[in-house]
Every structure is written in structure tokens, then in C-alpha cells.
Amino acid sequence: MAATWTLADLPSQHGRIAVVTGANRGLGFQISEALAASGATVVMACRDAQRARDAAAAITARHPQAQLDVSIPIDLDSLDSVRRAGAAIAARYPRIDLLIHNGAAILVPLATTQDGLERHIGINHYAPFLLTGLLLPSLQAAPAARVIGMASLAHKLTPGLNLDDPLFQRRAYKPMEAYGSSKLAALLFTNELNRRLQRAGSPVIAATAHPGYSNTNPDTGGFWLRLATRLFAQPAGDGALPALYAATAPSVRGGDYIGPGGYKELRGAPKPAQMRPEARDAALAARLWAESERITGCRYLD
């Protein structure tokens, strides 16, 4: 890996199809713009159709050649919406080269999705699990497709993944704990996905990235967190680099975890990152996979 990696090092993406969730703002917008500028056709899968169109217009204003598809909305809060979007994307794109699970719930109050799931894990894990399964045939049709999960430093700030009390009925709800647990689930899922892809002899690989401490959503959290983010966080464009590296760098292998290479992985050029040991717990990952199949009704790579 080079000492530094910037957008100038991003390989040409001409002819490739990328699906990016939550693409209208923050990291998703930066990822979509970079891929489109490099020649990819980017499916900007967003909840709000107008915001998706506005984001696409901002990208095409700077990159008139950008190929952007904002016609397929997805609400990660609803598994039915994910099913509809997945079916529509798969029908339109029989080959997909990149699937980047950027869309996320971040530090929200205790609430449930439309399917009765705690919002962090419902949006940050179960929706990506389902979308991956729905798009897997299109990913398998590409010569070297990648699925990129998005984790967070917060996965190290939680006691662990509690599948026995998913709605926080027997413990106090703490937004950071719920968010961190959902990002631990994202790591467990991506690692297990890669193991299963390898066992199946698939050309698809799965890797994970995290943005460090990045100004991706300055309105998230309380006053002091918002102030600290504005004062100390790196720009969203820098926070997008680990995901772009994981998605496009030739040196990336399945199961890799990429984050900023600076102090405590808070900022800096993309480098291999450190995940907590539980993220590689195959038994816990298998249990999460089985629970994900039960909740979503989607079975794949058994």
C-alpha cells in the first residue's frame, strides 16, 4: 500500500456499475461523485427522490459526463422498500461491479423501523443483508465485483452485539451503544459474507471501511458532539477515501478492513484498520447470519 492514497490514485471505473446507498449527502455523495468522475455508472439509491435528483445535479454540474441513475428509491427503514428496490436494480442491471452500503442511522433516539427492528441495526445491518442477497446474482455476473460494508470506530465503544435483547427492553438504551453494536454487526456480516463467498468459489469479495472522525453529518448528536465535529473532524471527502480505496484499489483482498492511517484511525490516508476481536468471531457471525435470514426472509450462500 502506498504511503498516501488520494482521489488521483483511484483507478478508472469506465464501464463499471456501482450501487451506493444513502448517496445524496455526506460520505455517500462523495463516494458517488468520485466513482462517477472516474467513469462508473452510479446508481444513487436514496430514500428521498428529490434530494437524490438535487445531489445528481450537483455532481453533473461539476462532471458533465457523469452517468447517474436516481430513478430507484430505497428506504432502508423498510424491508419491503429494500425488496422493491433490489428487484428493480437487479432487473435493470444484470451485472453490478460495486455495492457500497453507505446508508446509515446514526445516534438516533430509541425507535423501531417499519418492521419493528431497532433502527440502528435495522438500517445499518438487516437492510444491507437483504439488499446484498437480492443483488448477489448481478454481482456474481461481474468478473471481480466487491461488496463494501461501512463500519465505524464506534464498533469498539459498545459492550458487544446483544441478539437476545434487540429492542433494549432489559437494558438502558444508549444511542452510541446501539450505533456501535450495529456497526459491529456490519463487520461481522461482511466478514461472514466474504467467508461464504470464498467457500462458494465466487469471484465476488467483501471488505469493510470506516471514515474515521469525519464531518459526514454535522447535525448528529448533542451540542458538544456537533461542536467537536465542526472543530476537529476531517472533511467528508477525506472520510470517503477508505471506502473508495476498499472499493477500487487492486491490492484489496476479501475480508480487509480499511480506515484512516493517522492517529487512532481518526484521520489520514487509507490504511489497514484494526477491528475488535469479536468482529472476526465466526460463531457469532453465523448466529447473526441465521437471525438475518429469519428476519429478512432472504437466504443465500448457505
C-alpha atoms as a PDB file:
ATOM      1  CA  MET A   1       0.000   0.000   0.000  1.00  0.00           C
ATOM      2  CA  ALA A   2       1.291   3.444  -0.932  1.00  0.00           C
ATOM      3  CA  ALA A   3       2.214   5.887   1.836  1.00  0.00           C
ATOM      4  CA  THR A   4      -0.678   8.073   0.747  1.00  0.00           C
ATOM      5  CA  TRP A   5      -3.688   7.383  -1.443  1.00  0.00           C
ATOM      6  CA  THR A   6      -5.834  10.160  -2.876  1.00  0.00           C
ATOM      7  CA  LEU A   7      -8.535  10.520  -5.496  1.00  0.00           C
ATOM      8  CA  ALA A   8      -5.762  10.899  -8.059  1.00  0.00           C
ATOM      9  CA  ASP A   9      -4.899   7.243  -7.416  1.00  0.00           C
ATOM     10  CA  LEU A  10      -8.439   5.972  -7.996  1.00  0.00           C
ATOM     11  CA  PRO A  11      -8.327   3.570 -10.975  1.00  0.00           C
ATOM     12  CA  SER A  12     -10.523   4.190 -13.992  1.00  0.00           C
ATOM     13  CA  GLN A  13     -14.051   2.933 -13.418  1.00  0.00           C
ATOM     14  CA  HIS A  14     -15.195   3.192 -17.034  1.00  0.00           C
ATOM     15  CA  GLY A  15     -17.742   0.536 -17.884  1.00  0.00           C
ATOM     16  CA  ARG A  16     -18.411  -0.385 -14.255  1.00  0.00           C
ATOM     17  CA  ILE A  17     -21.745  -0.268 -12.433  1.00  0.00           C
ATOM     18  CA  ALA A  18     -21.798   0.899  -8.805  1.00  0.00           C
ATOM     19  CA  VAL A  19     -24.722   0.928  -6.373  1.00  0.00           C
ATOM     20  CA  VAL A  20     -24.339   3.345  -3.451  1.00  0.00           C
ATOM     21  CA  THR A  21     -26.973   3.642  -0.729  1.00  0.00           C
ATOM     22  CA  GLY A  22     -27.500   6.937   1.061  1.00  0.00           C
ATOM     23  CA  ALA A  23     -25.826   8.663  -1.870  1.00  0.00           C
ATOM     24  CA  ASN A  24     -27.365  12.116  -1.636  1.00  0.00           C
ATOM     25  CA  ARG A  25     -25.233  13.537   1.198  1.00  0.00           C
ATOM     26  CA  GLY A  26     -22.098  13.084   3.283  1.00  0.00           C
ATOM     27  CA  LEU A  27     -19.902  10.099   2.510  1.00  0.00           C
ATOM     28  CA  GLY A  28     -22.380   8.666   0.025  1.00  0.00           C
ATOM     29  CA  PHE A  29     -22.336  11.834  -2.042  1.00  0.00           C
ATOM     30  CA  GLN A  30     -18.533  11.994  -2.004  1.00  0.00           C
ATOM     31  CA  ILE A  31     -18.248   8.311  -2.962  1.00  0.00           C
ATOM     32  CA  SER A  32     -20.784   8.684  -5.765  1.00  0.00           C
ATOM     33  CA  GLU A  33     -19.104  11.778  -7.177  1.00  0.00           C
ATOM     34  CA  ALA A  34     -15.652  10.185  -7.156  1.00  0.00           C
ATOM     35  CA  LEU A  35     -16.840   7.000  -8.854  1.00  0.00           C
ATOM     36  CA  ALA A  36     -18.854   8.914 -11.453  1.00  0.00           C
ATOM     37  CA  ALA A  37     -15.925  11.227 -12.164  1.00  0.00           C
ATOM     38  CA  SER A  38     -13.821   8.117 -12.790  1.00  0.00           C
ATOM     39  CA  GLY A  39     -16.279   6.772 -15.341  1.00  0.00           C
ATOM     40  CA  ALA A  40     -18.613   4.483 -13.402  1.00  0.00           C
ATOM     41  CA  THR A  41     -22.361   4.433 -13.823  1.00  0.00           C
ATOM     42  CA  VAL A  42     -23.581   5.111 -10.290  1.00  0.00           C
ATOM     43  CA  VAL A  43     -26.975   4.048  -9.008  1.00  0.00           C
ATOM     44  CA  MET A  44     -27.656   6.596  -6.277  1.00  0.00           C
ATOM     45  CA  ALA A  45     -30.055   4.613  -4.100  1.00  0.00           C
ATOM     46  CA  CYS A  46     -31.669   7.146  -1.762  1.00  0.00           C
ATOM     47  CA  ARG A  47     -34.825   7.472   0.310  1.00  0.00           C
ATOM     48  CA  ASP A  48     -35.754  10.984  -0.837  1.00  0.00           C
ATOM     49  CA  ALA A  49     -36.144  11.179  -4.620  1.00  0.00           C
ATOM     50  CA  GLN A  50     -35.869  14.972  -4.773  1.00  0.00           C
ATOM     51  CA  ARG A  51     -32.702  15.058  -2.692  1.00  0.00           C
ATOM     52  CA  ALA A  52     -31.264  12.351  -4.919  1.00  0.00           C
ATOM     53  CA  ARG A  53     -32.023  14.438  -8.006  1.00  0.00           C
ATOM     54  CA  ASP A  54     -30.503  17.526  -6.391  1.00  0.00           C
ATOM     55  CA  ALA A  55     -27.352  15.583  -5.486  1.00  0.00           C
ATOM     56  CA  ALA A  56     -27.073  14.198  -9.004  1.00  0.00           C
ATOM     57  CA  ALA A  57     -27.475  17.694 -10.440  1.00  0.00           C
ATOM     58  CA  ALA A  58     -24.640  18.949  -8.226  1.00  0.00           C
ATOM     59  CA  ILE A  59     -22.393  16.143  -9.472  1.00  0.00           C
ATOM     60  CA  THR A  60     -23.223  16.619 -13.153  1.00  0.00           C
ATOM     61  CA  ALA A  61     -22.631  20.370 -12.810  1.00  0.00           C
ATOM     62  CA  ARG A  62     -19.001  19.548 -11.996  1.00  0.00           C
ATOM     63  CA  HIS A  63     -18.743  16.398 -14.115  1.00  0.00           C
ATOM     64  CA  PRO A  64     -20.998  16.750 -17.173  1.00  0.00           C
ATOM     65  CA  GLN A  65     -20.094  13.239 -18.348  1.00  0.00           C
ATOM     66  CA  ALA A  66     -21.314  11.630 -15.117  1.00  0.00           C
ATOM     67  CA  GLN A  67     -23.656   8.674 -15.564  1.00  0.00           C
ATOM     68  CA  LEU A  68     -26.057   8.709 -12.604  1.00  0.00           C
ATOM     69  CA  ASP A  69     -29.267   6.765 -12.009  1.00  0.00           C
ATOM     70  CA  VAL A  70     -31.556   8.258  -9.364  1.00  0.00           C
ATOM     71  CA  SER A  71     -34.750   6.584 -10.542  1.00  0.00           C
ATOM     72  CA  ILE A  72     -34.854   3.745  -7.984  1.00  0.00           C
ATOM     73  CA  PRO A  73     -35.614   4.949  -4.438  1.00  0.00           C
ATOM     74  CA  ILE A  74     -34.836   2.866  -1.379  1.00  0.00           C
ATOM     75  CA  ASP A  75     -35.880   3.374   2.229  1.00  0.00           C
ATOM     76  CA  LEU A  76     -33.601   1.302   4.448  1.00  0.00           C
ATOM     77  CA  ASP A  77     -36.161   1.724   7.233  1.00  0.00           C
ATOM     78  CA  SER A  78     -38.471  -0.664   5.347  1.00  0.00           C
ATOM     79  CA  LEU A  79     -37.559  -4.178   4.234  1.00  0.00           C
ATOM     80  CA  ASP A  80     -40.405  -4.036   1.703  1.00  0.00           C
ATOM     81  CA  SER A  81     -38.800  -0.943   0.174  1.00  0.00           C
ATOM     82  CA  VAL A  82     -35.455  -2.754   0.063  1.00  0.00           C
ATOM     83  CA  ARG A  83     -37.124  -5.696  -1.690  1.00  0.00           C
ATOM     84  CA  ARG A  84     -38.717  -3.431  -4.297  1.00  0.00           C
ATOM     85  CA  ALA A  85     -35.504  -1.513  -4.889  1.00  0.00           C
ATOM     86  CA  GLY A  86     -33.397  -4.659  -5.032  1.00  0.00           C
ATOM     87  CA  ALA A  87     -35.712  -6.225  -7.599  1.00  0.00           C
ATOM     88  CA  ALA A  88     -35.725  -3.054  -9.710  1.00  0.00           C
ATOM     89  CA  ILE A  89     -31.947  -2.632  -9.606  1.00  0.00           C
ATOM     90  CA  ALA A  90     -31.330  -6.295 -10.440  1.00  0.00           C
ATOM     91  CA  ALA A  91     -33.760  -6.131 -13.363  1.00  0.00           C
ATOM     92  CA  ARG A  92     -32.109  -3.025 -14.804  1.00  0.00           C
ATOM     93  CA  TYR A  93     -28.514  -4.066 -14.101  1.00  0.00           C
ATOM     94  CA  PRO A  94     -27.864  -7.783 -14.679  1.00  0.00           C
ATOM     95  CA  ARG A  95     -24.205  -7.040 -13.888  1.00  0.00           C
ATOM     96  CA  ILE A  96     -23.090  -4.960 -10.904  1.00  0.00           C
ATOM     97  CA  ASP A  97     -19.438  -4.316 -10.056  1.00  0.00           C
ATOM     98  CA  LEU A  98     -19.709  -2.452  -6.753  1.00  0.00           C
ATOM     99  CA  LEU A  99     -22.245  -2.440  -3.941  1.00  0.00           C
ATOM    100  CA  ILE A 100     -21.411   0.089  -1.233  1.00  0.00           C
ATOM    101  CA  HIS A 101     -23.580   0.003   1.879  1.00  0.00           C
ATOM    102  CA  ASN A 102     -23.211   3.627   2.916  1.00  0.00           C
ATOM    103  CA  GLY A 103     -26.736   4.488   4.090  1.00  0.00           C
ATOM    104  CA  ALA A 104     -26.989   4.533   7.873  1.00  0.00           C
ATOM    105  CA  ALA A 105     -28.846   5.570  11.000  1.00  0.00           C
ATOM    106  CA  ILE A 106     -26.507   7.448  13.341  1.00  0.00           C
ATOM    107  CA  LEU A 107     -27.146   8.111  17.042  1.00  0.00           C
ATOM    108  CA  VAL A 108     -30.934   8.242  16.756  1.00  0.00           C
ATOM    109  CA  PRO A 109     -33.304   8.037  19.753  1.00  0.00           C
ATOM    110  CA  LEU A 110     -34.834   4.680  20.602  1.00  0.00           C
ATOM    111  CA  ALA A 111     -37.321   3.829  17.870  1.00  0.00           C
ATOM    112  CA  THR A 112     -38.191   0.985  15.551  1.00  0.00           C
ATOM    113  CA  THR A 113     -38.183   0.577  11.794  1.00  0.00           C
ATOM    114  CA  GLN A 114     -41.344  -0.161   9.844  1.00  0.00           C
ATOM    115  CA  ASP A 115     -40.603  -3.837  10.505  1.00  0.00           C
ATOM    116  CA  GLY A 116     -40.300  -3.443  14.279  1.00  0.00           C
ATOM    117  CA  LEU A 117     -36.492  -3.581  14.387  1.00  0.00           C
ATOM    118  CA  GLU A 118     -34.344  -1.238  16.476  1.00  0.00           C
ATOM    119  CA  ARG A 119     -33.492   1.459  13.958  1.00  0.00           C
ATOM    120  CA  HIS A 120     -29.697   1.316  14.094  1.00  0.00           C
ATOM    121  CA  ILE A 121     -29.369  -2.400  13.443  1.00  0.00           C
ATOM    122  CA  GLY A 122     -32.395  -2.470  11.153  1.00  0.00           C
ATOM    123  CA  ILE A 123     -30.992   0.193   8.835  1.00  0.00           C
ATOM    124  CA  ASN A 124     -27.274  -0.475   9.284  1.00  0.00           C
ATOM    125  CA  HIS A 125     -27.347  -4.276   9.111  1.00  0.00           C
ATOM    126  CA  TYR A 126     -30.587  -6.037   8.207  1.00  0.00           C
ATOM    127  CA  ALA A 127     -31.338  -3.806   5.197  1.00  0.00           C
ATOM    128  CA  PRO A 128     -27.797  -4.264   3.767  1.00  0.00           C
ATOM    129  CA  PHE A 129     -28.017  -8.024   4.380  1.00  0.00           C
ATOM    130  CA  LEU A 130     -31.230  -8.189   2.367  1.00  0.00           C
ATOM    131  CA  LEU A 131     -30.025  -5.903  -0.430  1.00  0.00           C
ATOM    132  CA  THR A 132     -26.840  -7.938  -0.808  1.00  0.00           C
ATOM    133  CA  GLY A 133     -28.838 -11.130  -1.213  1.00  0.00           C
ATOM    134  CA  LEU A 134     -31.129  -9.562  -3.797  1.00  0.00           C
ATOM    135  CA  LEU A 135     -28.229  -8.187  -5.846  1.00  0.00           C
ATOM    136  CA  LEU A 136     -25.938 -11.196  -5.472  1.00  0.00           C
ATOM    137  CA  PRO A 137     -26.798 -12.693  -8.910  1.00  0.00           C
ATOM    138  CA  SER A 138     -25.854  -9.383 -10.566  1.00  0.00           C
ATOM    139  CA  LEU A 139     -22.664  -9.192  -8.520  1.00  0.00           C
ATOM    140  CA  GLN A 140     -21.802 -12.788  -9.426  1.00  0.00           C
ATOM    141  CA  ALA A 141     -22.172 -11.868 -13.099  1.00  0.00           C
ATOM    142  CA  ALA A 142     -19.299  -9.355 -12.868  1.00  0.00           C
ATOM    143  CA  PRO A 143     -15.708 -10.568 -13.231  1.00  0.00           C
ATOM    144  CA  ALA A 144     -14.463  -9.053  -9.950  1.00  0.00           C
ATOM    145  CA  ALA A 145     -17.301  -7.449  -8.010  1.00  0.00           C
ATOM    146  CA  ARG A 146     -16.950  -6.069  -4.490  1.00  0.00           C
ATOM    147  CA  VAL A 147     -19.372  -5.568  -1.631  1.00  0.00           C
ATOM    148  CA  ILE A 148     -18.213  -2.837   0.738  1.00  0.00           C
ATOM    149  CA  GLY A 149     -19.645  -2.570   4.218  1.00  0.00           C
ATOM    150  CA  MET A 150     -19.332   0.607   6.248  1.00  0.00           C
ATOM    151  CA  ALA A 151     -18.218   0.307   9.862  1.00  0.00           C
ATOM    152  CA  SER A 152     -17.206   2.903  12.435  1.00  0.00           C
ATOM    153  CA  LEU A 153     -14.757   3.456  15.251  1.00  0.00           C
ATOM    154  CA  ALA A 154     -17.881   3.242  17.402  1.00  0.00           C
ATOM    155  CA  HIS A 155     -17.901  -0.546  16.988  1.00  0.00           C
ATOM    156  CA  LYS A 156     -15.168  -0.546  19.652  1.00  0.00           C
ATOM    157  CA  LEU A 157     -17.278   1.520  22.073  1.00  0.00           C
ATOM    158  CA  THR A 158     -20.040  -0.997  22.703  1.00  0.00           C
ATOM    159  CA  PRO A 159     -20.158  -3.940  25.137  1.00  0.00           C
ATOM    160  CA  GLY A 160     -20.914  -6.173  22.174  1.00  0.00           C
ATOM    161  CA  LEU A 161     -23.733  -7.404  19.969  1.00  0.00           C
ATOM    162  CA  ASN A 162     -26.741  -8.437  22.056  1.00  0.00           C
ATOM    163  CA  LEU A 163     -29.051 -10.541  19.892  1.00  0.00           C
ATOM    164  CA  ASP A 164     -31.104 -11.577  22.928  1.00  0.00           C
ATOM    165  CA  ASP A 165     -32.358  -8.059  23.720  1.00  0.00           C
ATOM    166  CA  PRO A 166     -32.546  -6.320  20.338  1.00  0.00           C
ATOM    167  CA  LEU A 167     -35.132  -3.728  21.421  1.00  0.00           C
ATOM    168  CA  PHE A 168     -33.344  -2.717  24.648  1.00  0.00           C
ATOM    169  CA  GLN A 169     -36.193  -3.971  26.811  1.00  0.00           C
ATOM    170  CA  ARG A 170     -33.897  -5.334  29.533  1.00  0.00           C
ATOM    171  CA  ARG A 171     -31.181  -2.661  29.490  1.00  0.00           C
ATOM    172  CA  ALA A 172     -30.913   1.091  29.267  1.00  0.00           C
ATOM    173  CA  TYR A 173     -30.885   2.485  25.751  1.00  0.00           C
ATOM    174  CA  LYS A 174     -27.765   4.434  24.818  1.00  0.00           C
ATOM    175  CA  PRO A 175     -27.572   5.744  21.242  1.00  0.00           C
ATOM    176  CA  MET A 176     -23.803   5.248  20.985  1.00  0.00           C
ATOM    177  CA  GLU A 177     -24.091   1.666  22.218  1.00  0.00           C
ATOM    178  CA  ALA A 178     -26.870   0.906  19.735  1.00  0.00           C
ATOM    179  CA  TYR A 179     -24.989   2.555  16.878  1.00  0.00           C
ATOM    180  CA  GLY A 180     -21.720   0.840  17.769  1.00  0.00           C
ATOM    181  CA  SER A 181     -23.438  -2.538  18.020  1.00  0.00           C
ATOM    182  CA  SER A 182     -24.955  -2.067  14.572  1.00  0.00           C
ATOM    183  CA  LYS A 183     -21.525  -1.308  13.148  1.00  0.00           C
ATOM    184  CA  LEU A 184     -20.104  -4.390  14.859  1.00  0.00           C
ATOM    185  CA  ALA A 185     -22.905  -6.293  13.123  1.00  0.00           C
ATOM    186  CA  ALA A 186     -21.841  -4.729   9.821  1.00  0.00           C
ATOM    187  CA  LEU A 187     -18.298  -6.021  10.323  1.00  0.00           C
ATOM    188  CA  LEU A 188     -19.498  -9.472  11.359  1.00  0.00           C
ATOM    189  CA  PHE A 189     -21.746  -9.632   8.305  1.00  0.00           C
ATOM    190  CA  THR A 190     -19.131  -8.504   5.804  1.00  0.00           C
ATOM    191  CA  ASN A 191     -16.540 -10.907   7.194  1.00  0.00           C
ATOM    192  CA  GLU A 192     -19.006 -13.806   7.144  1.00  0.00           C
ATOM    193  CA  LEU A 193     -20.156 -12.828   3.657  1.00  0.00           C
ATOM    194  CA  ASN A 194     -16.579 -12.997   2.431  1.00  0.00           C
ATOM    195  CA  ARG A 195     -16.045 -16.404   4.052  1.00  0.00           C
ATOM    196  CA  ARG A 196     -19.162 -17.772   2.366  1.00  0.00           C
ATOM    197  CA  LEU A 197     -18.237 -16.266  -0.993  1.00  0.00           C
ATOM    198  CA  GLN A 198     -14.831 -17.923  -0.760  1.00  0.00           C
ATOM    199  CA  ARG A 199     -16.367 -21.290   0.105  1.00  0.00           C
ATOM    200  CA  ALA A 200     -18.696 -20.977  -2.866  1.00  0.00           C
ATOM    201  CA  GLY A 201     -15.781 -20.233  -5.202  1.00  0.00           C
ATOM    202  CA  SER A 202     -17.300 -16.860  -6.078  1.00  0.00           C
ATOM    203  CA  PRO A 203     -15.273 -14.095  -7.763  1.00  0.00           C
ATOM    204  CA  VAL A 204     -17.035 -11.552  -5.533  1.00  0.00           C
ATOM    205  CA  ILE A 205     -15.152 -10.264  -2.488  1.00  0.00           C
ATOM    206  CA  ALA A 206     -16.432  -8.401   0.561  1.00  0.00           C
ATOM    207  CA  ALA A 207     -14.448  -5.820   2.521  1.00  0.00           C
ATOM    208  CA  THR A 208     -15.209  -3.107   5.059  1.00  0.00           C
ATOM    209  CA  ALA A 209     -14.175   0.513   5.512  1.00  0.00           C
ATOM    210  CA  HIS A 210     -14.644   3.214   8.116  1.00  0.00           C
ATOM    211  CA  PRO A 211     -14.297   7.006   7.725  1.00  0.00           C
ATOM    212  CA  GLY A 212     -12.519   7.808  10.985  1.00  0.00           C
ATOM    213  CA  TYR A 213     -13.717  11.019  12.598  1.00  0.00           C
ATOM    214  CA  SER A 214     -15.321  12.749   9.649  1.00  0.00           C
ATOM    215  CA  ASN A 215     -17.779  15.579   9.245  1.00  0.00           C
ATOM    216  CA  THR A 216     -20.336  13.422   7.453  1.00  0.00           C
ATOM    217  CA  ASN A 217     -23.463  14.556   9.305  1.00  0.00           C
ATOM    218  CA  PRO A 218     -22.799  17.745  11.291  1.00  0.00           C
ATOM    219  CA  ASP A 219     -26.337  17.825  12.717  1.00  0.00           C
ATOM    220  CA  THR A 220     -25.992  14.461  14.506  1.00  0.00           C
ATOM    221  CA  GLY A 221     -25.769  14.249  18.305  1.00  0.00           C
ATOM    222  CA  GLY A 222     -25.954  16.824  21.058  1.00  0.00           C
ATOM    223  CA  PHE A 223     -24.439  20.298  21.181  1.00  0.00           C
ATOM    224  CA  TRP A 224     -20.942  19.284  22.313  1.00  0.00           C
ATOM    225  CA  LEU A 225     -20.680  16.464  19.764  1.00  0.00           C
ATOM    226  CA  ARG A 226     -21.807  18.778  16.970  1.00  0.00           C
ATOM    227  CA  LEU A 227     -19.292  21.415  18.073  1.00  0.00           C
ATOM    228  CA  ALA A 228     -16.445  18.895  18.270  1.00  0.00           C
ATOM    229  CA  THR A 229     -17.335  17.561  14.841  1.00  0.00           C
ATOM    230  CA  ARG A 230     -17.216  21.020  13.291  1.00  0.00           C
ATOM    231  CA  LEU A 231     -13.920  21.870  15.003  1.00  0.00           C
ATOM    232  CA  PHE A 232     -11.935  18.645  14.757  1.00  0.00           C
ATOM    233  CA  ALA A 233     -13.400  16.236  12.208  1.00  0.00           C
ATOM    234  CA  GLN A 234     -11.832  15.786   8.799  1.00  0.00           C
ATOM    235  CA  PRO A 235     -13.906  16.768   5.734  1.00  0.00           C
ATOM    236  CA  ALA A 236     -16.368  14.247   4.325  1.00  0.00           C
ATOM    237  CA  GLY A 237     -14.267  13.977   1.173  1.00  0.00           C
ATOM    238  CA  ASP A 238     -11.336  12.666   3.196  1.00  0.00           C
ATOM    239  CA  GLY A 239     -13.636  10.370   5.146  1.00  0.00           C
ATOM    240  CA  ALA A 240     -14.798   8.801   1.880  1.00  0.00           C
ATOM    241  CA  LEU A 241     -11.282   7.750   0.855  1.00  0.00           C
ATOM    242  CA  PRO A 242     -11.160   4.468   2.841  1.00  0.00           C
ATOM    243  CA  ALA A 243     -14.396   3.277   1.211  1.00  0.00           C
ATOM    244  CA  LEU A 244     -13.162   4.306  -2.231  1.00  0.00           C
ATOM    245  CA  TYR A 245      -9.878   2.527  -1.597  1.00  0.00           C
ATOM    246  CA  ALA A 246     -11.673  -0.623  -0.440  1.00  0.00           C
ATOM    247  CA  ALA A 247     -13.921  -0.482  -3.496  1.00  0.00           C
ATOM    248  CA  THR A 248     -11.292   0.117  -6.162  1.00  0.00           C
ATOM    249  CA  ALA A 249      -7.675  -0.459  -5.109  1.00  0.00           C
ATOM    250  CA  PRO A 250      -6.177  -3.545  -6.810  1.00  0.00           C
ATOM    251  CA  SER A 251      -4.385  -4.591  -3.602  1.00  0.00           C
ATOM    252  CA  VAL A 252      -7.584  -5.044  -1.569  1.00  0.00           C
ATOM    253  CA  ARG A 253      -8.477  -8.608  -0.627  1.00  0.00           C
ATOM    254  CA  GLY A 254     -11.658 -10.093   0.754  1.00  0.00           C
ATOM    255  CA  GLY A 255     -12.020  -9.539   4.484  1.00  0.00           C
ATOM    256  CA  ASP A 256      -9.831  -6.420   4.502  1.00  0.00           C
ATOM    257  CA  TYR A 257     -10.750  -3.545   6.801  1.00  0.00           C
ATOM    258  CA  ILE A 258      -9.652  -0.092   5.662  1.00  0.00           C
ATOM    259  CA  GLY A 259      -9.652   3.155   7.631  1.00  0.00           C
ATOM    260  CA  PRO A 260      -7.641   6.360   8.035  1.00  0.00           C
ATOM    261  CA  GLY A 261      -3.987   5.690   8.770  1.00  0.00           C
ATOM    262  CA  GLY A 262      -3.373   8.588  11.143  1.00  0.00           C
ATOM    263  CA  TYR A 263      -3.507   8.830  14.935  1.00  0.00           C
ATOM    264  CA  LYS A 264      -6.067   6.410  16.415  1.00  0.00           C
ATOM    265  CA  GLU A 265      -7.502   5.972  12.894  1.00  0.00           C
ATOM    266  CA  LEU A 266      -9.223   9.350  13.252  1.00  0.00           C
ATOM    267  CA  ARG A 267      -7.940  10.848  10.006  1.00  0.00           C
ATOM    268  CA  GLY A 268      -5.353  10.319   7.313  1.00  0.00           C
ATOM    269  CA  ALA A 269      -4.772   8.348   4.128  1.00  0.00           C
ATOM    270  CA  PRO A 270      -6.393   4.891   3.802  1.00  0.00           C
ATOM    271  CA  LYS A 271      -4.553   2.068   5.554  1.00  0.00           C
ATOM    272  CA  PRO A 272      -5.434  -1.345   7.033  1.00  0.00           C
ATOM    273  CA  ALA A 273      -7.510  -0.731  10.162  1.00  0.00           C
ATOM    274  CA  GLN A 274      -7.898  -2.652  13.396  1.00  0.00           C
ATOM    275  CA  MET A 275     -11.215  -4.279  14.237  1.00  0.00           C
ATOM    276  CA  ARG A 276     -12.082  -5.627  17.664  1.00  0.00           C
ATOM    277  CA  PRO A 277     -11.650  -9.409  18.026  1.00  0.00           C
ATOM    278  CA  GLU A 278     -15.416 -10.052  18.210  1.00  0.00           C
ATOM    279  CA  ALA A 279     -15.745  -8.821  14.625  1.00  0.00           C
ATOM    280  CA  ARG A 280     -13.950 -11.981  13.481  1.00  0.00           C
ATOM    281  CA  ASP A 281     -15.943 -14.324  15.742  1.00  0.00           C
ATOM    282  CA  ALA A 282     -17.185 -16.914  13.241  1.00  0.00           C
ATOM    283  CA  ALA A 283     -19.694 -18.437  15.673  1.00  0.00           C
ATOM    284  CA  LEU A 284     -21.277 -15.058  16.455  1.00  0.00           C
ATOM    285  CA  ALA A 285     -21.289 -14.200  12.749  1.00  0.00           C
ATOM    286  CA  ALA A 286     -23.054 -17.468  11.926  1.00  0.00           C
ATOM    287  CA  ARG A 287     -25.683 -16.749  14.563  1.00  0.00           C
ATOM    288  CA  LEU A 288     -26.185 -13.230  13.201  1.00  0.00           C
ATOM    289  CA  TRP A 289     -26.449 -14.631   9.658  1.00  0.00           C
ATOM    290  CA  ALA A 290     -29.150 -17.106  10.702  1.00  0.00           C
ATOM    291  CA  GLU A 291     -31.064 -14.354  12.515  1.00  0.00           C
ATOM    292  CA  SER A 292     -30.733 -12.110   9.462  1.00  0.00           C
ATOM    293  CA  GLU A 293     -32.164 -14.812   7.205  1.00  0.00           C
ATOM    294  CA  ARG A 294     -35.074 -15.273   9.611  1.00  0.00           C
ATOM    295  CA  ILE A 295     -35.862 -11.568   9.850  1.00  0.00           C
ATOM    296  CA  THR A 296     -35.475 -10.711   6.167  1.00  0.00           C
ATOM    297  CA  GLY A 297     -36.738 -13.976   4.689  1.00  0.00           C
ATOM    298  CA  CYS A 298     -33.741 -13.934   2.354  1.00  0.00           C
ATOM    299  CA  ARG A 299     -31.472 -16.992   2.253  1.00  0.00           C
ATOM    300  CA  TYR A 300     -28.262 -17.123   0.255  1.00  0.00           C
ATOM    301  CA  LEU A 301     -24.805 -18.687   0.305  1.00  0.00           C
ATOM    302  CA  ASP A 302     -25.923 -21.499   2.642  1.00  0.00           C
END
